[in-house]
C-alpha atoms as a PDB file:
ATOM      1  CA  MET A   1       0.000   0.000   0.000  1.00  0.00           C
ATOM      2  CA  PRO A   2       1.545   3.337  -1.065  1.00  0.00           C
ATOM      3  CA  ILE A   3       2.103   6.103   1.442  1.00  0.00           C
ATOM      4  CA  HIS A   4       0.289   9.334   0.640  1.00  0.00           C
ATOM      5  CA  TRP A   5       1.893  12.523   1.780  1.00  0.00           C
ATOM      6  CA  ASN A   6      -0.195  15.181   3.344  1.00  0.00           C
ATOM      7  CA  GLN A   7       0.519  18.628   4.746  1.00  0.00           C
ATOM      8  CA  ASP A   8       0.800  17.300   8.274  1.00  0.00           C
ATOM      9  CA  MET A   9       3.682  14.991   7.327  1.00  0.00           C
ATOM     10  CA  ASP A  10       5.482  17.799   5.456  1.00  0.00           C
ATOM     11  CA  ASP A  11       5.361  20.060   8.500  1.00  0.00           C
ATOM     12  CA  ARG A  12       6.875  17.367  10.730  1.00  0.00           C
ATOM     13  CA  LEU A  13       9.794  16.767   8.344  1.00  0.00           C
ATOM     14  CA  LYS A  14      10.782  20.454   8.031  1.00  0.00           C
ATOM     15  CA  PRO A  15      13.493  21.486  10.461  1.00  0.00           C
ATOM     16  CA  VAL A  16      12.608  24.212  12.877  1.00  0.00           C
ATOM     17  CA  ARG A  17      14.733  27.359  12.229  1.00  0.00           C
ATOM     18  CA  GLN A  18      15.172  29.834  15.044  1.00  0.00           C
ATOM     19  CA  GLY A  19      18.097  31.980  13.831  1.00  0.00           C
ATOM     20  CA  PHE A  20      21.565  31.694  12.408  1.00  0.00           C
ATOM     21  CA  THR A  21      23.916  28.880  13.284  1.00  0.00           C
ATOM     22  CA  LEU A  22      27.365  29.523  14.676  1.00  0.00           C
ATOM     23  CA  ILE A  23      28.981  28.663  11.335  1.00  0.00           C
ATOM     24  CA  GLU A  24      26.752  31.174   9.524  1.00  0.00           C
ATOM     25  CA  TRP A  25      27.717  33.892  12.010  1.00  0.00           C
ATOM     26  CA  LEU A  26      31.408  33.099  11.591  1.00  0.00           C
ATOM     27  CA  ILE A  27      31.115  33.283   7.807  1.00  0.00           C
ATOM     28  CA  LEU A  28      29.305  36.604   8.095  1.00  0.00           C
ATOM     29  CA  LEU A  29      32.026  37.995  10.379  1.00  0.00           C
ATOM     30  CA  ALA A  30      34.781  36.762   8.056  1.00  0.00           C
ATOM     31  CA  VAL A  31      33.179  38.432   5.031  1.00  0.00           C
ATOM     32  CA  ALA A  32      32.674  41.689   6.963  1.00  0.00           C
ATOM     33  CA  GLY A  33      36.306  41.607   8.123  1.00  0.00           C
ATOM     34  CA  ILE A  34      37.611  41.085   4.622  1.00  0.00           C
ATOM     35  CA  LEU A  35      35.482  43.945   3.273  1.00  0.00           C
ATOM     36  CA  ALA A  36      36.702  46.260   6.041  1.00  0.00           C
ATOM     37  CA  ALA A  37      40.352  45.323   5.473  1.00  0.00           C
ATOM     38  CA  VAL A  38      40.066  46.047   1.759  1.00  0.00           C
ATOM     39  CA  SER A  39      38.061  49.261   1.982  1.00  0.00           C
ATOM     40  CA  TYR A  40      39.820  51.025   4.878  1.00  0.00           C
ATOM     41  CA  PRO A  41      43.035  51.963   3.024  1.00  0.00           C
ATOM     42  CA  ALA A  42      41.010  53.334   0.115  1.00  0.00           C
ATOM     43  CA  TYR A  43      38.847  55.338   2.517  1.00  0.00           C
ATOM     44  CA  LYS A  44      41.917  56.703   4.278  1.00  0.00           C
ATOM     45  CA  ASN A  45      43.410  57.784   0.935  1.00  0.00           C
ATOM     46  CA  HIS A  46      40.096  59.408   0.083  1.00  0.00           C
ATOM     47  CA  THR A  47      40.307  61.560   3.227  1.00  0.00           C
ATOM     48  CA  ILE A  48      43.992  62.450   2.668  1.00  0.00           C
ATOM     49  CA  ARG A  49      43.655  63.605  -0.967  1.00  0.00           C
ATOM     50  CA  PRO A  50      41.923  66.929  -0.191  1.00  0.00           C
ATOM     51  CA  LYS A  51      44.677  67.771   2.291  1.00  0.00           C
ATOM     52  CA  PHE A  52      47.403  66.866  -0.186  1.00  0.00           C
ATOM     53  CA  SER A  53      45.707  68.949  -2.890  1.00  0.00           C
ATOM     54  CA  GLU A  54      46.859  72.014  -0.937  1.00  0.00           C
ATOM     55  CA  VAL A  55      50.432  70.882  -1.602  1.00  0.00           C
ATOM     56  CA  MET A  56      49.765  70.446  -5.333  1.00  0.00           C
ATOM     57  CA  VAL A  57      47.913  73.762  -5.770  1.00  0.00           C
ATOM     58  CA  THR A  58      50.716  75.665  -4.075  1.00  0.00           C
ATOM     59  CA  MET A  59      53.059  74.619  -6.895  1.00  0.00           C
ATOM     60  CA  ALA A  60      51.266  76.804  -9.482  1.00  0.00           C
ATOM     61  CA  PRO A  61      53.260  80.040  -8.914  1.00  0.00           C
ATOM     62  CA  TYR A  62      56.548  78.113  -9.081  1.00  0.00           C
ATOM     63  CA  LYS A  63      55.567  76.447 -12.345  1.00  0.00           C
ATOM     64  CA  ALA A  64      54.416  79.765 -13.815  1.00  0.00           C
ATOM     65  CA  ALA A  65      57.644  81.515 -12.798  1.00  0.00           C
ATOM     66  CA  ILE A  66      59.812  78.835 -14.424  1.00  0.00           C
ATOM     67  CA  GLU A  67      57.690  78.843 -17.597  1.00  0.00           C
ATOM     68  CA  ASN A  68      57.901  82.658 -17.819  1.00  0.00           C
ATOM     69  CA  CYS A  69      61.658  82.545 -17.237  1.00  0.00           C
ATOM     70  CA  ALA A  70      62.052  79.948 -20.001  1.00  0.00           C
ATOM     71  CA  ARG A  71      59.961  82.025 -22.446  1.00  0.00           C
ATOM     72  CA  ALA A  72      62.003  85.140 -21.646  1.00  0.00           C
ATOM     73  CA  GLY A  73      65.219  83.126 -21.920  1.00  0.00           C
ATOM     74  CA  THR A  74      66.682  84.451 -18.658  1.00  0.00           C
ATOM     75  CA  CYS A  75      67.132  80.977 -17.182  1.00  0.00           C
ATOM     76  CA  VAL A  76      68.056  79.073 -20.354  1.00  0.00           C
ATOM     77  CA  VAL A  77      71.721  78.211 -20.876  1.00  0.00           C
ATOM     78  CA  ASP A  78      72.732  76.042 -23.856  1.00  0.00           C
ATOM     79  CA  GLY A  79      69.144  74.901 -24.383  1.00  0.00           C
ATOM     80  CA  ALA A  80      68.589  73.804 -20.776  1.00  0.00           C
ATOM     81  CA  LEU A  81      67.195  75.406 -17.659  1.00  0.00           C
ATOM     82  CA  ALA A  82      69.877  76.726 -15.287  1.00  0.00           C
ATOM     83  CA  GLY A  83      70.404  79.111 -12.394  1.00  0.00           C
ATOM     84  CA  LEU A  84      66.987  78.592 -10.842  1.00  0.00           C
ATOM     85  CA  GLY A  85      66.157  78.360  -7.150  1.00  0.00           C
ATOM     86  CA  VAL A  86      63.664  79.698  -4.646  1.00  0.00           C
ATOM     87  CA  GLY A  87      63.803  83.474  -4.684  1.00  0.00           C
ATOM     88  CA  LYS A  88      65.874  83.569  -7.900  1.00  0.00           C
ATOM     89  CA  LEU A  89      64.935  84.698 -11.428  1.00  0.00           C
ATOM     90  CA  GLY A  90      61.301  85.381 -10.504  1.00  0.00           C
ATOM     91  CA  VAL A  91      60.745  82.118  -8.616  1.00  0.00           C
ATOM     92  CA  PRO A  92      58.883  82.842  -5.352  1.00  0.00           C
ATOM     93  CA  PRO A  93      60.494  82.096  -1.991  1.00  0.00           C
ATOM     94  CA  SER A  94      59.613  78.869  -0.182  1.00  0.00           C
ATOM     95  CA  ILE A  95      56.368  78.967   1.743  1.00  0.00           C
ATOM     96  CA  ALA A  96      54.735  76.773   4.360  1.00  0.00           C
ATOM     97  CA  THR A  97      51.029  76.192   4.939  1.00  0.00           C
ATOM     98  CA  THR A  98      48.990  73.859   7.102  1.00  0.00           C
ATOM     99  CA  TYR A  99      49.730  70.798   4.974  1.00  0.00           C
ATOM    100  CA  LEU A 100      52.834  72.043   3.109  1.00  0.00           C
ATOM    101  CA  ALA A 101      56.170  71.987   4.933  1.00  0.00           C
ATOM    102  CA  ARG A 102      58.366  73.544   2.225  1.00  0.00           C
ATOM    103  CA  VAL A 103      58.998  74.028  -1.480  1.00  0.00           C
ATOM    104  CA  SER A 104      62.411  73.755  -3.090  1.00  0.00           C
ATOM    105  CA  VAL A 105      63.543  74.448  -6.643  1.00  0.00           C
ATOM    106  CA  SER A 106      66.757  72.977  -8.018  1.00  0.00           C
ATOM    107  CA  PRO A 107      69.013  74.937 -10.398  1.00  0.00           C
ATOM    108  CA  ASN A 108      67.624  72.966 -13.361  1.00  0.00           C
ATOM    109  CA  GLY A 109      64.002  73.744 -12.397  1.00  0.00           C
ATOM    110  CA  VAL A 110      62.887  70.606 -10.556  1.00  0.00           C
ATOM    111  CA  ILE A 111      60.229  71.683  -8.060  1.00  0.00           C
ATOM    112  CA  THR A 112      59.815  69.572  -4.919  1.00  0.00           C
ATOM    113  CA  ALA A 113      56.979  70.209  -2.484  1.00  0.00           C
ATOM    114  CA  THR A 114      57.118  68.346   0.814  1.00  0.00           C
ATOM    115  CA  ALA A 115      53.952  67.787   2.800  1.00  0.00           C
ATOM    116  CA  SER A 116      53.842  68.339   6.529  1.00  0.00           C
ATOM    117  CA  ASN A 117      53.226  65.574   9.060  1.00  0.00           C
ATOM    118  CA  LYS A 118      49.699  66.783   9.865  1.00  0.00           C
ATOM    119  CA  GLY A 119      46.308  65.345   9.012  1.00  0.00           C
ATOM    120  CA  ASP A 120      47.534  61.802   8.229  1.00  0.00           C
ATOM    121  CA  LEU A 121      50.174  63.132   5.823  1.00  0.00           C
ATOM    122  CA  ASP A 122      53.648  61.713   6.386  1.00  0.00           C
ATOM    123  CA  GLY A 123      55.925  64.160   4.603  1.00  0.00           C
ATOM    124  CA  GLU A 124      55.073  62.862   1.122  1.00  0.00           C
ATOM    125  CA  THR A 125      56.802  64.636  -1.744  1.00  0.00           C
ATOM    126  CA  PHE A 126      55.310  65.991  -4.957  1.00  0.00           C
ATOM    127  CA  VAL A 127      58.011  66.486  -7.606  1.00  0.00           C
ATOM    128  CA  LEU A 128      57.608  68.297 -10.935  1.00  0.00           C
ATOM    129  CA  THR A 129      60.456  67.827 -13.385  1.00  0.00           C
ATOM    130  CA  PRO A 130      60.516  70.214 -16.369  1.00  0.00           C
ATOM    131  CA  THR A 131      61.494  69.281 -19.888  1.00  0.00           C
ATOM    132  CA  LEU A 132      62.318  72.260 -22.086  1.00  0.00           C
ATOM    133  CA  ALA A 133      61.404  72.048 -25.773  1.00  0.00           C
ATOM    134  CA  LYS A 134      63.086  74.099 -28.501  1.00  0.00           C
ATOM    135  CA  ASN A 135      60.129  76.520 -28.641  1.00  0.00           C
ATOM    136  CA  ALA A 136      60.578  77.375 -24.906  1.00  0.00           C
ATOM    137  CA  GLN A 137      57.558  75.252 -24.002  1.00  0.00           C
ATOM    138  CA  ILE A 138      57.870  73.216 -20.822  1.00  0.00           C
ATOM    139  CA  THR A 139      56.268  69.854 -20.141  1.00  0.00           C
ATOM    140  CA  TRP A 140      56.123  68.650 -16.561  1.00  0.00           C
ATOM    141  CA  LEU A 141      56.715  65.104 -15.342  1.00  0.00           C
ATOM    142  CA  VAL A 142      55.020  64.280 -12.023  1.00  0.00           C
ATOM    143  CA  SER A 143      56.760  61.990  -9.538  1.00  0.00           C
ATOM    144  CA  GLY A 144      57.410  61.719  -5.819  1.00  0.00           C
ATOM    145  CA  THR A 145      56.361  59.596  -2.897  1.00  0.00           C
ATOM    146  CA  CYS A 146      52.760  60.762  -3.317  1.00  0.00           C
ATOM    147  CA  LYS A 147      52.549  58.386  -6.292  1.00  0.00           C
ATOM    148  CA  THR A 148      54.076  55.374  -4.543  1.00  0.00           C
ATOM    149  CA  ARG A 149      52.109  55.165  -1.283  1.00  0.00           C
ATOM    150  CA  ALA A 150      51.218  51.625  -0.204  1.00  0.00           C
ATOM    151  CA  ALA A 151      47.499  52.442  -0.071  1.00  0.00           C
ATOM    152  CA  GLY A 152      47.554  54.122  -3.496  1.00  0.00           C
ATOM    153  CA  ALA A 153      48.594  57.395  -5.056  1.00  0.00           C
ATOM    154  CA  ILE A 154      47.270  60.659  -3.661  1.00  0.00           C
ATOM    155  CA  CYS A 155      48.543  62.858  -6.512  1.00  0.00           C
END
């Protein structure tokens, strides 16, 4: 004689669920931990970038002074930039702000801005290296420790 299933038998065979098991909680915690470990460095970089932008914006007068000097020819010797420095040939003196410790300019026009150690900044550098073309146009190469941070570039 065949057995006929009815609703009453189905209800007795279903397990009673009253929450998550310990394994499910552990999996949930592991996934949350992994997500936090991956997202925290990116979040920290996201909060540091606006502070470091002060360092990058402060470079504008130094770039403009070197470009004007190159166009005028007062700092070009044998087709290369020479004789530059802070406070020389129209280049402004070094300044410091909340997030900028100092700015330096080498004789060949390399501008280096060093961040302060405030607001999660760790003295990162932002370096602009000029390349002078024959028509007195300058192209700038960006480098420095701001591009090589472990959590990602901030410049």
